[in-house]
PDB file of N, CA and C in Angstrom:
ATOM      1  N   MET A   1      38.527  94.001 -82.395  1.00  0.00           N
ATOM      2  CA  MET A   1      37.317  94.854 -81.385  1.00  0.00           C
ATOM      3  C   MET A   1      37.020  94.371 -80.081  1.00  0.00           C
ATOM      4  N   LEU A   2      37.346  92.757 -80.020  1.00  0.00           N
ATOM      5  CA  LEU A   2      37.211  92.036 -78.636  1.00  0.00           C
ATOM      6  C   LEU A   2      38.282  92.217 -78.129  1.00  0.00           C
ATOM      7  N   LYS A   3      39.565  92.444 -78.591  1.00  0.00           N
ATOM      8  CA  LYS A   3      41.191  92.411 -78.128  1.00  0.00           C
ATOM      9  C   LYS A   3      40.943  93.822 -77.526  1.00  0.00           C
ATOM     10  N   ASN A   4      40.139  94.816 -77.807  1.00  0.00           N
ATOM     11  CA  ASN A   4      40.379  96.353 -77.252  1.00  0.00           C
ATOM     12  C   ASN A   4      38.912  96.402 -76.090  1.00  0.00           C
ATOM     13  N   TYR A   5      37.948  95.803 -76.034  1.00  0.00           N
ATOM     14  CA  TYR A   5      37.263  95.611 -74.946  1.00  0.00           C
ATOM     15  C   TYR A   5      38.115  94.842 -73.726  1.00  0.00           C
ATOM     16  N   ILE A   6      38.843  93.695 -73.935  1.00  0.00           N
ATOM     17  CA  ILE A   6      39.588  93.129 -73.087  1.00  0.00           C
ATOM     18  C   ILE A   6      40.471  94.121 -72.297  1.00  0.00           C
ATOM     19  N   LEU A   7      41.244  94.618 -73.287  1.00  0.00           N
ATOM     20  CA  LEU A   7      42.348  95.407 -72.996  1.00  0.00           C
ATOM     21  C   LEU A   7      41.697  96.557 -71.720  1.00  0.00           C
ATOM     22  N   PHE A   8      40.852  97.091 -72.361  1.00  0.00           N
ATOM     23  CA  PHE A   8      40.041  98.184 -71.259  1.00  0.00           C
ATOM     24  C   PHE A   8      39.260  97.820 -69.942  1.00  0.00           C
ATOM     25  N   SER A   9      38.740  96.467 -70.313  1.00  0.00           N
ATOM     26  CA  SER A   9      38.509  95.783 -68.844  1.00  0.00           C
ATOM     27  C   SER A   9      39.675  95.804 -67.897  1.00  0.00           C
ATOM     28  N   LEU A  10      40.425  95.025 -68.795  1.00  0.00           N
ATOM     29  CA  LEU A  10      42.114  94.892 -67.700  1.00  0.00           C
ATOM     30  C   LEU A  10      42.401  95.991 -67.092  1.00  0.00           C
ATOM     31  N   ILE A  11      42.278  97.224 -67.715  1.00  0.00           N
ATOM     32  CA  ILE A  11      42.877  98.214 -67.236  1.00  0.00           C
ATOM     33  C   ILE A  11      41.977  98.973 -66.397  1.00  0.00           C
ATOM     34  N   VAL A  12      40.758  98.925 -66.236  1.00  0.00           N
ATOM     35  CA  VAL A  12      39.822  99.314 -65.323  1.00  0.00           C
ATOM     36  C   VAL A  12      39.946  98.428 -64.105  1.00  0.00           C
ATOM     37  N   VAL A  13      39.090  97.180 -64.704  1.00  0.00           N
ATOM     38  CA  VAL A  13      39.348  96.735 -63.200  1.00  0.00           C
ATOM     39  C   VAL A  13      40.800  96.374 -62.219  1.00  0.00           C
ATOM     40  N   SER A  14      41.677  95.869 -63.248  1.00  0.00           N
ATOM     41  CA  SER A  14      42.847  95.424 -62.566  1.00  0.00           C
ATOM     42  C   SER A  14      43.714  96.613 -61.804  1.00  0.00           C
ATOM     43  N   GLY A  15      43.685  97.824 -62.728  1.00  0.00           N
ATOM     44  CA  GLY A  15      43.936  98.772 -62.090  1.00  0.00           C
ATOM     45  C   GLY A  15      43.364  99.410 -60.982  1.00  0.00           C
ATOM     46  N   THR A  16      41.854  99.524 -60.979  1.00  0.00           N
ATOM     47  CA  THR A  16      41.266 100.007 -59.615  1.00  0.00           C
ATOM     48  C   THR A  16      41.348  99.071 -58.690  1.00  0.00           C
ATOM     49  N   GLY A  17      41.024  97.437 -59.225  1.00  0.00           N
ATOM     50  CA  GLY A  17      41.480  96.862 -58.162  1.00  0.00           C
ATOM     51  C   GLY A  17      42.653  96.769 -57.096  1.00  0.00           C
ATOM     52  N   GLY A  18      43.792  97.063 -58.037  1.00  0.00           N
ATOM     53  CA  GLY A  18      45.046  97.469 -57.156  1.00  0.00           C
ATOM     54  C   GLY A  18      44.830  98.341 -56.574  1.00  0.00           C
ATOM     55  N   GLU A  19      44.709  99.352 -56.736  1.00  0.00           N
ATOM     56  CA  GLU A  19      44.155 100.746 -55.818  1.00  0.00           C
ATOM     57  C   GLU A  19      43.421 100.300 -54.620  1.00  0.00           C
ATOM     58  N   LEU A  20      42.734  99.884 -54.789  1.00  0.00           N
ATOM     59  CA  LEU A  20      41.654  99.497 -53.920  1.00  0.00           C
ATOM     60  C   LEU A  20      42.685  98.377 -53.089  1.00  0.00           C
ATOM     61  N   CYS A  21      43.318  97.447 -53.285  1.00  0.00           N
ATOM     62  CA  CYS A  21      43.829  96.597 -52.329  1.00  0.00           C
ATOM     63  C   CYS A  21      45.150  97.399 -51.464  1.00  0.00           C
ATOM     64  N   VAL A  22      45.865  98.143 -52.105  1.00  0.00           N
ATOM     65  CA  VAL A  22      47.070  99.011 -51.722  1.00  0.00           C
ATOM     66  C   VAL A  22      46.324  99.671 -50.681  1.00  0.00           C
ATOM     67  N   SER A  23      45.184 100.379 -50.776  1.00  0.00           N
ATOM     68  CA  SER A  23      44.699 101.165 -50.209  1.00  0.00           C
ATOM     69  C   SER A  23      44.010 100.717 -48.452  1.00  0.00           C
ATOM     70  N   ARG A  24      43.436  99.170 -49.002  1.00  0.00           N
ATOM     71  CA  ARG A  24      43.449  98.479 -48.267  1.00  0.00           C
ATOM     72  C   ARG A  24      44.574  98.038 -46.905  1.00  0.00           C
ATOM     73  N   ALA A  25      45.837  97.761 -47.615  1.00  0.00           N
ATOM     74  CA  ALA A  25      47.063  97.653 -47.073  1.00  0.00           C
ATOM     75  C   ALA A  25      47.336  98.477 -46.263  1.00  0.00           C
ATOM     76  N   MET A  26      46.977  99.689 -46.509  1.00  0.00           N
ATOM     77  CA  MET A  26      47.953 100.889 -46.124  1.00  0.00           C
ATOM     78  C   MET A  26      47.014 101.270 -44.869  1.00  0.00           C
ATOM     79  N   LYS A  27      45.997 101.190 -44.945  1.00  0.00           N
ATOM     80  CA  LYS A  27      44.890 101.575 -43.671  1.00  0.00           C
ATOM     81  C   LYS A  27      45.139 100.522 -42.662  1.00  0.00           C
ATOM     82  N   THR A  28      45.859  99.014 -43.320  1.00  0.00           N
ATOM     83  CA  THR A  28      46.437  98.393 -42.229  1.00  0.00           C
ATOM     84  C   THR A  28      47.810  98.576 -41.393  1.00  0.00           C
ATOM     85  N   VAL A  29      48.388  99.247 -41.944  1.00  0.00           N
ATOM     86  CA  VAL A  29      49.738  99.494 -42.197  1.00  0.00           C
ATOM     87  C   VAL A  29      49.544 100.902 -40.727  1.00  0.00           C
ATOM     88  N   GLY A  30      48.562 101.835 -41.635  1.00  0.00           N
ATOM     89  CA  GLY A  30      48.987 103.176 -40.661  1.00  0.00           C
ATOM     90  C   GLY A  30      49.754 104.396 -41.459  1.00  0.00           C
ATOM     91  N   GLU A  31      49.628 105.265 -41.348  1.00  0.00           N
ATOM     92  CA  GLU A  31      50.109 106.373 -41.851  1.00  0.00           C
ATOM     93  C   GLU A  31      51.740 106.793 -41.122  1.00  0.00           C
ATOM     94  N   VAL A  32      51.994 107.347 -42.018  1.00  0.00           N
ATOM     95  CA  VAL A  32      53.525 107.679 -41.821  1.00  0.00           C
ATOM     96  C   VAL A  32      53.612 108.943 -40.561  1.00  0.00           C
ATOM     97  N   THR A  33      53.594 109.024 -39.363  1.00  0.00           N
ATOM     98  CA  THR A  33      53.581 109.915 -38.878  1.00  0.00           C
ATOM     99  C   THR A  33      54.764 111.152 -38.063  1.00  0.00           C
ATOM    100  N   SER A  34      55.869 110.119 -38.719  1.00  0.00           N
ATOM    101  CA  SER A  34      57.404 110.895 -38.709  1.00  0.00           C
ATOM    102  C   SER A  34      58.115 110.876 -40.246  1.00  0.00           C
ATOM    103  N   PHE A  35      58.517 112.162 -40.593  1.00  0.00           N
ATOM    104  CA  PHE A  35      59.471 111.433 -41.800  1.00  0.00           C
ATOM    105  C   PHE A  35      60.943 111.210 -41.413  1.00  0.00           C
ATOM    106  N   HIS A  36      61.523 110.958 -40.352  1.00  0.00           N
ATOM    107  CA  HIS A  36      62.580 110.371 -40.363  1.00  0.00           C
ATOM    108  C   HIS A  36      63.028 109.609 -40.970  1.00  0.00           C
ATOM    109  N   PRO A  37      64.054 108.869 -41.448  1.00  0.00           N
ATOM    110  CA  PRO A  37      64.106 107.702 -42.078  1.00  0.00           C
ATOM    111  C   PRO A  37      63.993 106.398 -41.850  1.00  0.00           C
ATOM    112  N   VAL A  38      64.030 106.420 -40.509  1.00  0.00           N
ATOM    113  CA  VAL A  38      63.814 105.254 -39.827  1.00  0.00           C
ATOM    114  C   VAL A  38      62.176 104.777 -39.631  1.00  0.00           C
ATOM    115  N   ALA A  39      61.689 106.086 -39.323  1.00  0.00           N
ATOM    116  CA  ALA A  39      60.277 105.880 -38.845  1.00  0.00           C
ATOM    117  C   ALA A  39      59.505 105.374 -40.743  1.00  0.00           C
ATOM    118  N   VAL A  40      59.644 105.905 -41.848  1.00  0.00           N
ATOM    119  CA  VAL A  40      59.694 105.991 -42.914  1.00  0.00           C
ATOM    120  C   VAL A  40      60.145 104.072 -43.399  1.00  0.00           C
ATOM    121  N   ILE A  41      61.440 104.110 -43.113  1.00  0.00           N
ATOM    122  CA  ILE A  41      61.447 102.745 -43.295  1.00  0.00           C
ATOM    123  C   ILE A  41      60.610 101.233 -42.765  1.00  0.00           C
ATOM    124  N   ARG A  42      60.346 102.149 -41.583  1.00  0.00           N
ATOM    125  CA  ARG A  42      59.545 100.942 -40.892  1.00  0.00           C
ATOM    126  C   ARG A  42      58.219 100.698 -41.323  1.00  0.00           C
ATOM    127  N   VAL A  43      57.340 101.972 -41.764  1.00  0.00           N
ATOM    128  CA  VAL A  43      56.295 101.749 -42.441  1.00  0.00           C
ATOM    129  C   VAL A  43      56.469 101.027 -43.951  1.00  0.00           C
ATOM    130  N   ILE A  44      57.517 101.622 -44.529  1.00  0.00           N
ATOM    131  CA  ILE A  44      57.409 100.337 -46.330  1.00  0.00           C
ATOM    132  C   ILE A  44      57.682  99.151 -45.425  1.00  0.00           C
ATOM    133  N   LEU A  45      58.578  98.630 -44.880  1.00  0.00           N
ATOM    134  CA  LEU A  45      58.854  97.166 -44.131  1.00  0.00           C
ATOM    135  C   LEU A  45      57.554  96.359 -43.839  1.00  0.00           C
ATOM    136  N   ARG A  46      56.401  97.367 -42.975  1.00  0.00           N
ATOM    137  CA  ARG A  46      55.030  96.958 -42.822  1.00  0.00           C
ATOM    138  C   ARG A  46      54.270  96.820 -43.898  1.00  0.00           C
ATOM    139  N   ALA A  47      54.380  97.518 -45.069  1.00  0.00           N
ATOM    140  CA  ALA A  47      53.635  97.802 -45.770  1.00  0.00           C
ATOM    141  C   ALA A  47      53.885  96.069 -46.679  1.00  0.00           C
ATOM    142  N   LEU A  48      55.155  95.970 -46.482  1.00  0.00           N
ATOM    143  CA  LEU A  48      55.631  95.089 -47.626  1.00  0.00           C
ATOM    144  C   LEU A  48      55.445  93.495 -47.096  1.00  0.00           C
ATOM    145  N   ARG A  49      55.008  93.544 -46.079  1.00  0.00           N
ATOM    146  CA  ARG A  49      54.472  92.262 -45.149  1.00  0.00           C
ATOM    147  C   ARG A  49      53.122  91.929 -45.620  1.00  0.00           C
ATOM    148  N   GLU A  50      52.292  92.853 -46.188  1.00  0.00           N
ATOM    149  CA  GLU A  50      50.794  93.157 -45.967  1.00  0.00           C
ATOM    150  C   GLU A  50      50.604  92.133 -47.611  1.00  0.00           C
ATOM    151  N   PRO A  51      49.932  91.290 -47.199  1.00  0.00           N
ATOM    152  CA  PRO A  51      49.372  90.492 -48.310  1.00  0.00           C
ATOM    153  C   PRO A  51      48.668  91.190 -49.816  1.00  0.00           C
ATOM    154  N   TRP A  52      47.843  92.217 -49.003  1.00  0.00           N
ATOM    155  CA  TRP A  52      46.962  93.020 -49.975  1.00  0.00           C
ATOM    156  C   TRP A  52      47.829  93.963 -50.630  1.00  0.00           C
ATOM    157  N   MET A  53      49.192  94.062 -50.161  1.00  0.00           N
ATOM    158  CA  MET A  53      50.250  95.078 -50.862  1.00  0.00           C
ATOM    159  C   MET A  53      50.169  94.219 -52.208  1.00  0.00           C
ATOM    160  N   TRP A  54      50.650  93.204 -52.173  1.00  0.00           N
ATOM    161  CA  TRP A  54      51.283  92.233 -53.194  1.00  0.00           C
ATOM    162  C   TRP A  54      50.448  91.970 -54.315  1.00  0.00           C
ATOM    163  N   VAL A  55      48.971  91.899 -54.033  1.00  0.00           N
ATOM    164  CA  VAL A  55      48.148  91.786 -54.793  1.00  0.00           C
ATOM    165  C   VAL A  55      47.653  93.325 -55.500  1.00  0.00           C
ATOM    166  N   GLY A  56      47.703  93.974 -54.998  1.00  0.00           N
ATOM    167  CA  GLY A  56      47.538  95.395 -55.387  1.00  0.00           C
ATOM    168  C   GLY A  56      48.412  95.527 -56.564  1.00  0.00           C
ATOM    169  N   VAL A  57      49.877  95.593 -56.042  1.00  0.00           N
ATOM    170  CA  VAL A  57      50.802  96.041 -57.279  1.00  0.00           C
ATOM    171  C   VAL A  57      50.742  94.662 -58.517  1.00  0.00           C
ATOM    172  N   ALA A  58      50.614  93.713 -58.046  1.00  0.00           N
ATOM    173  CA  ALA A  58      50.204  92.846 -59.333  1.00  0.00           C
ATOM    174  C   ALA A  58      48.977  93.155 -60.116  1.00  0.00           C
ATOM    175  N   MET A  59      48.581  93.321 -59.143  1.00  0.00           N
ATOM    176  CA  MET A  59      46.841  93.963 -60.385  1.00  0.00           C
ATOM    177  C   MET A  59      47.156  95.141 -60.719  1.00  0.00           C
ATOM    178  N   MET A  60      47.981  95.999 -60.273  1.00  0.00           N
ATOM    179  CA  MET A  60      48.442  97.459 -61.137  1.00  0.00           C
ATOM    180  C   MET A  60      49.195  97.212 -62.076  1.00  0.00           C
ATOM    181  N   ALA A  61      50.422  96.096 -62.244  1.00  0.00           N
ATOM    182  CA  ALA A  61      51.148  95.865 -62.861  1.00  0.00           C
ATOM    183  C   ALA A  61      50.513  95.353 -64.434  1.00  0.00           C
ATOM    184  N   THR A  62      49.436  94.222 -63.878  1.00  0.00           N
ATOM    185  CA  THR A  62      48.792  93.866 -65.002  1.00  0.00           C
ATOM    186  C   THR A  62      47.929  95.011 -65.951  1.00  0.00           C
ATOM    187  N   ALA A  63      47.180  95.866 -64.894  1.00  0.00           N
ATOM    188  CA  ALA A  63      47.001  96.988 -65.643  1.00  0.00           C
ATOM    189  C   ALA A  63      47.892  98.118 -66.685  1.00  0.00           C
ATOM    190  N   PHE A  64      49.082  98.313 -65.641  1.00  0.00           N
ATOM    191  CA  PHE A  64      49.918  98.607 -66.999  1.00  0.00           C
ATOM    192  C   PHE A  64      50.351  98.575 -68.011  1.00  0.00           C
ATOM    193  N   PHE A  65      50.427  96.887 -68.142  1.00  0.00           N
ATOM    194  CA  PHE A  65      50.522  96.419 -69.548  1.00  0.00           C
ATOM    195  C   PHE A  65      49.502  96.149 -70.443  1.00  0.00           C
ATOM    196  N   ALA A  66      48.125  96.068 -69.661  1.00  0.00           N
ATOM    197  CA  ALA A  66      47.101  96.111 -71.040  1.00  0.00           C
ATOM    198  C   ALA A  66      47.247  97.738 -71.327  1.00  0.00           C
ATOM    199  N   LEU A  67      47.504  98.711 -70.638  1.00  0.00           N
ATOM    200  CA  LEU A  67      47.594 100.093 -71.199  1.00  0.00           C
ATOM    201  C   LEU A  67      48.550 100.183 -72.022  1.00  0.00           C
ATOM    202  N   LEU A  68      49.683  99.723 -72.372  1.00  0.00           N
ATOM    203  CA  LEU A  68      50.715  99.840 -72.951  1.00  0.00           C
ATOM    204  C   LEU A  68      49.989  99.053 -74.474  1.00  0.00           C
ATOM    205  N   GLY A  69      49.407  97.536 -74.295  1.00  0.00           N
ATOM    206  CA  GLY A  69      48.746  97.147 -75.422  1.00  0.00           C
ATOM    207  C   GLY A  69      47.529  97.960 -76.238  1.00  0.00           C
ATOM    208  N   ALA A  70      47.034  98.872 -75.216  1.00  0.00           N
ATOM    209  CA  ALA A  70      45.874  99.378 -75.919  1.00  0.00           C
ATOM    210  C   ALA A  70      46.161 100.732 -76.503  1.00  0.00           C
ATOM    211  N   LEU A  71      47.674 101.343 -75.992  1.00  0.00           N
ATOM    212  CA  LEU A  71      48.111 102.413 -76.382  1.00  0.00           C
ATOM    213  C   LEU A  71      48.995 102.015 -77.816  1.00  0.00           C
ATOM    214  N   ALA A  72      49.433 100.728 -77.642  1.00  0.00           N
ATOM    215  CA  ALA A  72      49.780 100.510 -79.294  1.00  0.00           C
ATOM    216  C   ALA A  72      48.949 100.174 -80.114  1.00  0.00           C
ATOM    217  N   GLU A  73      47.647 100.210 -79.705  1.00  0.00           N
ATOM    218  CA  GLU A  73      46.581  99.824 -81.562  1.00  0.00           C
ATOM    219  C   GLU A  73      45.819 101.077 -81.554  1.00  0.00           C
ATOM    220  N   LEU A  74      45.403 102.016 -80.517  1.00  0.00           N
ATOM    221  CA  LEU A  74      44.337 103.129 -80.472  1.00  0.00           C
ATOM    222  C   LEU A  74      45.035 104.438 -80.218  1.00  0.00           C
ATOM    223  N   PRO A  75      44.226 105.690 -81.140  1.00  0.00           N
ATOM    224  CA  PRO A  75      44.990 106.902 -80.924  1.00  0.00           C
ATOM    225  C   PRO A  75      44.625 107.547 -78.882  1.00  0.00           C
ATOM    226  N   VAL A  76      45.770 107.632 -78.386  1.00  0.00           N
ATOM    227  CA  VAL A  76      45.481 108.013 -76.836  1.00  0.00           C
ATOM    228  C   VAL A  76      44.663 109.326 -76.617  1.00  0.00           C
ATOM    229  N   SER A  77      44.194 109.750 -77.580  1.00  0.00           N
ATOM    230  CA  SER A  77      43.045 110.588 -77.557  1.00  0.00           C
ATOM    231  C   SER A  77      41.663 109.902 -77.424  1.00  0.00           C
ATOM    232  N   PHE A  78      41.935 108.318 -77.431  1.00  0.00           N
ATOM    233  CA  PHE A  78      40.463 107.647 -77.133  1.00  0.00           C
ATOM    234  C   PHE A  78      40.721 106.645 -75.821  1.00  0.00           C
ATOM    235  N   VAL A  79      41.759 105.845 -75.819  1.00  0.00           N
ATOM    236  CA  VAL A  79      42.573 105.514 -74.756  1.00  0.00           C
ATOM    237  C   VAL A  79      42.454 106.679 -73.423  1.00  0.00           C
ATOM    238  N   VAL A  80      42.914 107.464 -73.319  1.00  0.00           N
ATOM    239  CA  VAL A  80      42.980 107.872 -71.721  1.00  0.00           C
ATOM    240  C   VAL A  80      41.563 108.507 -71.582  1.00  0.00           C
ATOM    241  N   PRO A  81      40.284 109.040 -71.979  1.00  0.00           N
ATOM    242  CA  PRO A  81      39.479 109.233 -71.896  1.00  0.00           C
ATOM    243  C   PRO A  81      38.491 108.039 -71.361  1.00  0.00           C
ATOM    244  N   VAL A  82      38.667 106.930 -72.086  1.00  0.00           N
ATOM    245  CA  VAL A  82      38.311 105.669 -72.058  1.00  0.00           C
ATOM    246  C   VAL A  82      38.722 105.205 -70.662  1.00  0.00           C
ATOM    247  N   THR A  83      39.652 104.925 -70.391  1.00  0.00           N
ATOM    248  CA  THR A  83      40.176 104.640 -69.086  1.00  0.00           C
ATOM    249  C   THR A  83      39.787 105.316 -68.021  1.00  0.00           C
ATOM    250  N   ALA A  84      39.352 106.719 -67.971  1.00  0.00           N
ATOM    251  CA  ALA A  84      38.824 107.539 -66.919  1.00  0.00           C
ATOM    252  C   ALA A  84      37.342 106.626 -66.306  1.00  0.00           C
ATOM    253  N   LEU A  85      36.943 105.795 -66.569  1.00  0.00           N
ATOM    254  CA  LEU A  85      35.802 104.511 -65.938  1.00  0.00           C
ATOM    255  C   LEU A  85      36.453 104.331 -64.928  1.00  0.00           C
ATOM    256  N   SER A  86      37.906 104.205 -64.775  1.00  0.00           N
ATOM    257  CA  SER A  86      38.518 103.675 -63.721  1.00  0.00           C
ATOM    258  C   SER A  86      37.790 104.294 -62.254  1.00  0.00           C
ATOM    259  N   TYR A  87      37.356 105.846 -62.613  1.00  0.00           N
ATOM    260  CA  TYR A  87      37.071 106.716 -61.375  1.00  0.00           C
ATOM    261  C   TYR A  87      35.597 105.993 -61.085  1.00  0.00           C
ATOM    262  N   VAL A  88      34.709 105.891 -61.939  1.00  0.00           N
ATOM    263  CA  VAL A  88      33.153 105.264 -61.485  1.00  0.00           C
ATOM    264  C   VAL A  88      34.149 103.973 -60.708  1.00  0.00           C
ATOM    265  N   ALA A  89      34.565 102.968 -61.422  1.00  0.00           N
ATOM    266  CA  ALA A  89      35.079 102.162 -60.411  1.00  0.00           C
ATOM    267  C   ALA A  89      35.380 102.243 -58.990  1.00  0.00           C
ATOM    268  N   GLY A  90      36.280 102.870 -59.281  1.00  0.00           N
ATOM    269  CA  GLY A  90      37.094 103.316 -57.888  1.00  0.00           C
ATOM    270  C   GLY A  90      35.724 103.621 -56.664  1.00  0.00           C
ATOM    271  N   ALA A  91      35.100 104.693 -57.117  1.00  0.00           N
ATOM    272  CA  ALA A  91      33.370 104.913 -56.329  1.00  0.00           C
ATOM    273  C   ALA A  91      33.044 103.515 -56.006  1.00  0.00           C
ATOM    274  N   ILE A  92      32.693 103.109 -56.615  1.00  0.00           N
ATOM    275  CA  ILE A  92      31.561 101.502 -56.538  1.00  0.00           C
ATOM    276  C   ILE A  92      32.834 100.774 -55.595  1.00  0.00           C
ATOM    277  N   GLY A  93      33.959 100.484 -56.135  1.00  0.00           N
ATOM    278  CA  GLY A  93      34.749  99.515 -55.138  1.00  0.00           C
ATOM    279  C   GLY A  93      34.866 100.369 -53.695  1.00  0.00           C
ATOM    280  N   GLY A  94      35.139 101.717 -53.838  1.00  0.00           N
ATOM    281  CA  GLY A  94      35.133 102.074 -52.321  1.00  0.00           C
ATOM    282  C   GLY A  94      34.107 101.871 -51.588  1.00  0.00           C
ATOM    283  N   VAL A  95      32.592 102.059 -51.982  1.00  0.00           N
ATOM    284  CA  VAL A  95      31.731 101.985 -51.377  1.00  0.00           C
ATOM    285  C   VAL A  95      31.578  99.993 -50.783  1.00  0.00           C
ATOM    286  N   THR A  96      31.848  99.322 -51.606  1.00  0.00           N
ATOM    287  CA  THR A  96      31.392  97.991 -51.548  1.00  0.00           C
ATOM    288  C   THR A  96      32.595  97.109 -50.837  1.00  0.00           C
ATOM    289  N   PHE A  97      33.839  97.855 -51.167  1.00  0.00           N
ATOM    290  CA  PHE A  97      35.013  96.693 -50.842  1.00  0.00           C
ATOM    291  C   PHE A  97      35.897  97.467 -49.555  1.00  0.00           C
ATOM    292  N   LEU A  98      35.522  98.978 -49.402  1.00  0.00           N
ATOM    293  CA  LEU A  98      36.696  99.707 -48.472  1.00  0.00           C
ATOM    294  C   LEU A  98      35.126 100.373 -47.202  1.00  0.00           C
ATOM    295  N   LYS A  99      34.108 100.142 -47.500  1.00  0.00           N
ATOM    296  CA  LYS A  99      32.940 100.118 -47.357  1.00  0.00           C
ATOM    297  C   LYS A  99      32.948 102.244 -47.084  1.00  0.00           C
ATOM    298  N   GLU A 100      33.600 102.481 -47.882  1.00  0.00           N
ATOM    299  CA  GLU A 100      33.505 104.254 -47.490  1.00  0.00           C
ATOM    300  C   GLU A 100      32.372 104.903 -47.694  1.00  0.00           C
ATOM    301  N   HIS A 101      32.170 105.913 -47.628  1.00  0.00           N
ATOM    302  CA  HIS A 101      30.866 106.876 -47.636  1.00  0.00           C
ATOM    303  C   HIS A 101      31.039 107.626 -48.786  1.00  0.00           C
ATOM    304  N   VAL A 102      30.173 107.680 -50.179  1.00  0.00           N
ATOM    305  CA  VAL A 102      30.513 108.574 -51.261  1.00  0.00           C
ATOM    306  C   VAL A 102      29.456 109.437 -50.950  1.00  0.00           C
ATOM    307  N   THR A 103      29.267 110.841 -51.305  1.00  0.00           N
ATOM    308  CA  THR A 103      28.323 111.958 -51.102  1.00  0.00           C
ATOM    309  C   THR A 103      27.656 112.092 -52.231  1.00  0.00           C
ATOM    310  N   PRO A 104      26.540 112.377 -52.174  1.00  0.00           N
ATOM    311  CA  PRO A 104      25.538 112.371 -53.338  1.00  0.00           C
ATOM    312  C   PRO A 104      26.187 113.561 -54.669  1.00  0.00           C
ATOM    313  N   GLN A 105      27.263 114.569 -54.267  1.00  0.00           N
ATOM    314  CA  GLN A 105      27.964 115.344 -55.072  1.00  0.00           C
ATOM    315  C   GLN A 105      28.973 114.439 -55.761  1.00  0.00           C
ATOM    316  N   ARG A 106      29.214 113.578 -54.924  1.00  0.00           N
ATOM    317  CA  ARG A 106      30.855 112.780 -55.428  1.00  0.00           C
ATOM    318  C   ARG A 106      30.271 111.483 -56.217  1.00  0.00           C
ATOM    319  N   TRP A 107      28.690 111.119 -56.069  1.00  0.00           N
ATOM    320  CA  TRP A 107      28.123 110.248 -57.086  1.00  0.00           C
ATOM    321  C   TRP A 107      27.900 110.914 -58.444  1.00  0.00           C
ATOM    322  N   LEU A 108      27.761 112.294 -58.217  1.00  0.00           N
ATOM    323  CA  LEU A 108      27.329 113.513 -59.404  1.00  0.00           C
ATOM    324  C   LEU A 108      28.463 113.035 -60.149  1.00  0.00           C
ATOM    325  N   GLY A 109      29.897 113.720 -59.655  1.00  0.00           N
ATOM    326  CA  GLY A 109      30.866 113.369 -60.300  1.00  0.00           C
ATOM    327  C   GLY A 109      31.152 112.517 -61.318  1.00  0.00           C
ATOM    328  N   VAL A 110      30.954 111.212 -60.725  1.00  0.00           N
ATOM    329  CA  VAL A 110      31.037 110.150 -61.218  1.00  0.00           C
ATOM    330  C   VAL A 110      29.978 109.667 -62.307  1.00  0.00           C
ATOM    331  N   ALA A 111      28.915 110.264 -62.358  1.00  0.00           N
ATOM    332  CA  ALA A 111      27.871 110.286 -63.351  1.00  0.00           C
ATOM    333  C   ALA A 111      28.466 111.174 -64.350  1.00  0.00           C
ATOM    334  N   LEU A 112      28.594 112.235 -64.421  1.00  0.00           N
ATOM    335  CA  LEU A 112      29.493 113.219 -65.233  1.00  0.00           C
ATOM    336  C   LEU A 112      30.255 112.044 -66.033  1.00  0.00           C
ATOM    337  N   VAL A 113      31.715 111.481 -65.110  1.00  0.00           N
ATOM    338  CA  VAL A 113      32.372 111.203 -65.997  1.00  0.00           C
ATOM    339  C   VAL A 113      31.789 110.060 -66.622  1.00  0.00           C
ATOM    340  N   ALA A 114      30.897 109.185 -66.381  1.00  0.00           N
ATOM    341  CA  ALA A 114      30.558 107.909 -67.065  1.00  0.00           C
ATOM    342  C   ALA A 114      29.820 108.491 -68.961  1.00  0.00           C
ATOM    343  N   LEU A 115      29.048 109.866 -68.244  1.00  0.00           N
ATOM    344  CA  LEU A 115      28.789 110.728 -69.606  1.00  0.00           C
ATOM    345  C   LEU A 115      29.820 110.985 -70.359  1.00  0.00           C
ATOM    346  N   GLY A 116      30.749 111.473 -69.701  1.00  0.00           N
ATOM    347  CA  GLY A 116      32.036 111.860 -70.649  1.00  0.00           C
ATOM    348  C   GLY A 116      32.484 110.785 -71.528  1.00  0.00           C
ATOM    349  N   VAL A 117      32.676 109.379 -70.928  1.00  0.00           N
ATOM    350  CA  VAL A 117      33.672 108.400 -71.799  1.00  0.00           C
ATOM    351  C   VAL A 117      32.255 107.970 -72.762  1.00  0.00           C
ATOM    352  N   THR A 118      31.270 107.919 -72.228  1.00  0.00           N
ATOM    353  CA  THR A 118      30.014 107.255 -73.422  1.00  0.00           C
ATOM    354  C   THR A 118      30.133 108.098 -74.765  1.00  0.00           C
ATOM    355  N   LEU A 119      30.531 109.250 -74.097  1.00  0.00           N
ATOM    356  CA  LEU A 119      30.307 110.671 -75.440  1.00  0.00           C
ATOM    357  C   LEU A 119      31.805 110.238 -76.397  1.00  0.00           C
ATOM    358  N   VAL A 120      32.930 109.961 -75.582  1.00  0.00           N
ATOM    359  CA  VAL A 120      34.303 109.151 -76.373  1.00  0.00           C
ATOM    360  C   VAL A 120      33.849 108.277 -77.246  1.00  0.00           C
ATOM    361  N   VAL A 121      33.351 107.189 -76.405  1.00  0.00           N
ATOM    362  CA  VAL A 121      32.946 105.883 -77.064  1.00  0.00           C
ATOM    363  C   VAL A 121      32.704 106.392 -78.506  1.00  0.00           C
ATOM    364  N   LEU A 122      30.581 107.347 -78.203  1.00  0.00           N
ATOM    365  CA  LEU A 122      30.403 107.202 -79.406  1.00  0.00           C
ATOM    366  C   LEU A 122      30.581 107.915 -80.363  1.00  0.00           C
ATOM    367  N   GLY A 123      31.768 108.683 -80.275  1.00  0.00           N
ATOM    368  CA  GLY A 123      32.295 109.756 -80.943  1.00  0.00           C
ATOM    369  C   GLY A 123      33.389 108.925 -81.792  1.00  0.00           C
ATOM    370  N   LYS A 124      34.136 107.781 -81.413  1.00  0.00           N
ATOM    371  CA  LYS A 124      34.927 107.354 -82.307  1.00  0.00           C
ATOM    372  C   LYS A 124      34.645 106.956 -83.187  1.00  0.00           C
ATOM    373  N   GLY A 125      33.645 106.427 -83.770  1.00  0.00           N
ATOM    374  CA  GLY A 125      33.310 105.938 -85.144  1.00  0.00           C
ATOM    375  C   GLY A 125      34.031 106.620 -86.378  1.00  0.00           C
TER     376      GLY A 125
END
């Protein structure tokens, strides 16, 4: 049971942390303004020079392998809903790490996701 908690923590924390790091890197790099191959390659090369990009990719890889471990042990009908906690972590991380504004309507959605995860966990018994 402890192993499952560790796997779920890794999935949620590493996956969401990775997405936040990649988002931070891409905010520094900027958006693709032209879809000509040369312009796209320039953006990719700039992104590859961002340390936050590499931290994010490493964290997302950790989350992926933790997900594989969880799927090897537990039913997918349990694993996928529980990993939805990453939506909660994403909203909190967006506010604290990226200084984003989250509307009350979005917080309500996050609370509903958390409630849904709670129901799935309680119903596992």
